[in-house]
Amino acid sequence: PPPFTGVWMGDSKLCAIGVHCGNHITSHGLALNCCTDLTWFDHIVPCGLEGKGVTSLSHELGQHVAVSRVLEPFLDSFQEVFDCTLVSSEDPG
């Protein structure tokens, strides 16, 4: 929910999105919770947001959702939305 960044399911964050700037370098990334052990979040205040939770695709769908199942469709959608071509560091050349 605005003004919070990320992808939310109600009051629970499904995907964190972040940007870091330092030493003349900008980095960015995201963390999509696929089959994360959510009990670890019981020990912290996730993203510093009191009263908000964390969820995963597995929890929301009621079945195990492996990263390997999500990776290809996620990357395909990323390329389409950002009109780009992704290159794997494992690709030759």
Protein backbone atom coordinates (compact mmCIF):
# COMPACT_ATOMS: atom_id res chain seq x y z
CA PRO A 1 0.00 0.00 0.00
CA PRO A 2 1.29 3.50 -0.76
CA PRO A 3 3.64 4.98 0.27
CA PHE A 4 5.46 1.67 0.84
CA THR A 5 7.65 0.26 -1.91
CA GLY A 6 7.52 -3.34 -3.03
CA VAL A 7 4.78 -5.75 -3.94
CA TRP A 8 2.10 -6.24 -1.31
CA MET A 9 -0.67 -8.73 -0.58
CA GLY A 10 -2.84 -6.82 1.87
CA ASP A 11 -0.61 -5.82 4.79
CA SER A 12 2.11 -8.35 3.91
CA LYS A 13 5.07 -7.70 1.64
CA LEU A 14 5.61 -10.29 -1.08
CA CYS A 15 8.54 -8.62 -2.84
CA ALA A 16 11.04 -6.05 -1.56
CA ILE A 17 12.52 -3.53 -3.98
CA GLY A 18 15.55 -1.45 -3.11
CA VAL A 19 18.13 1.02 -4.36
CA HIS A 20 21.52 1.75 -2.79
CA CYS A 21 23.82 4.62 -3.71
CA GLY A 22 27.38 4.91 -2.44
CA ASN A 23 30.95 5.49 -3.60
CA HIS A 24 29.70 6.73 -6.99
CA ILE A 25 27.93 3.41 -7.60
CA THR A 26 24.19 2.81 -7.74
CA SER A 27 22.87 -0.70 -7.26
CA HIS A 28 19.33 -1.94 -7.20
CA GLY A 29 17.52 -5.19 -6.74
CA LEU A 30 14.52 -7.07 -5.55
CA ALA A 31 13.70 -10.04 -3.40
CA LEU A 32 10.63 -12.01 -4.42
CA ASN A 33 9.62 -14.45 -1.68
CA CYS A 34 8.86 -17.73 -3.41
CA CYS A 35 9.30 -20.44 -0.78
CA THR A 36 10.92 -18.45 2.01
CA ASP A 37 10.80 -19.73 5.60
CA LEU A 38 8.65 -16.92 6.96
CA THR A 39 9.33 -17.79 10.62
CA TRP A 40 12.63 -15.85 10.42
CA PHE A 41 10.62 -12.65 10.06
CA ASP A 42 9.12 -13.22 13.53
CA HIS A 43 12.45 -12.03 14.99
CA ILE A 44 12.64 -8.65 13.23
CA VAL A 45 10.51 -5.72 12.14
CA PRO A 46 10.57 -6.38 8.37
CA CYS A 47 11.68 -3.32 6.40
CA GLY A 48 11.29 -1.32 9.62
CA LEU A 49 7.50 -1.25 9.18
CA GLU A 50 5.63 -1.89 12.43
CA GLY A 51 2.37 -3.79 12.00
CA LYS A 52 3.19 -5.08 8.52
CA GLY A 53 4.01 -8.67 7.65
CA VAL A 54 5.84 -10.68 5.05
CA THR A 55 4.38 -13.36 2.81
CA SER A 56 5.50 -15.66 0.00
CA LEU A 57 4.08 -17.10 -3.18
CA SER A 58 4.00 -20.53 -1.52
CA HIS A 59 2.03 -19.20 1.44
CA GLU A 60 -0.44 -17.23 -0.71
CA LEU A 61 -1.03 -20.07 -3.18
CA GLY A 62 -1.11 -22.84 -0.56
CA GLN A 63 1.46 -24.92 -2.41
CA HIS A 64 5.25 -25.05 -2.72
CA VAL A 65 6.46 -22.58 -5.36
CA ALA A 66 10.17 -23.09 -6.12
CA VAL A 67 12.36 -20.27 -7.42
CA SER A 68 13.12 -22.42 -10.48
CA ARG A 69 9.39 -22.38 -11.34
CA VAL A 70 9.20 -18.58 -11.15
CA LEU A 71 12.52 -17.49 -12.63
CA GLU A 72 11.87 -17.91 -16.37
CA PRO A 73 8.40 -16.30 -16.44
CA PHE A 74 9.68 -13.49 -14.20
CA LEU A 75 12.64 -12.77 -16.51
CA ASP A 76 10.40 -12.92 -19.59
CA SER A 77 8.03 -10.38 -18.04
CA PHE A 78 10.93 -8.17 -16.96
CA GLN A 79 12.25 -8.04 -20.53
CA GLU A 80 8.81 -7.21 -21.88
CA VAL A 81 8.04 -4.48 -19.35
CA PHE A 82 11.45 -2.82 -19.60
CA ASP A 83 11.87 -3.44 -23.35
CA CYS A 84 15.31 -4.95 -22.90
CA THR A 85 17.30 -8.10 -23.50
CA LEU A 86 18.78 -9.80 -20.46
CA VAL A 87 22.17 -11.45 -20.76
CA SER A 88 23.21 -14.13 -18.29
CA SER A 89 26.72 -14.08 -16.89
CA GLU A 90 26.72 -17.78 -17.80
CA ASP A 91 26.18 -16.98 -21.51
CA PRO A 92 29.34 -17.30 -23.63
CA GLY A 93 30.63 -14.05 -25.05
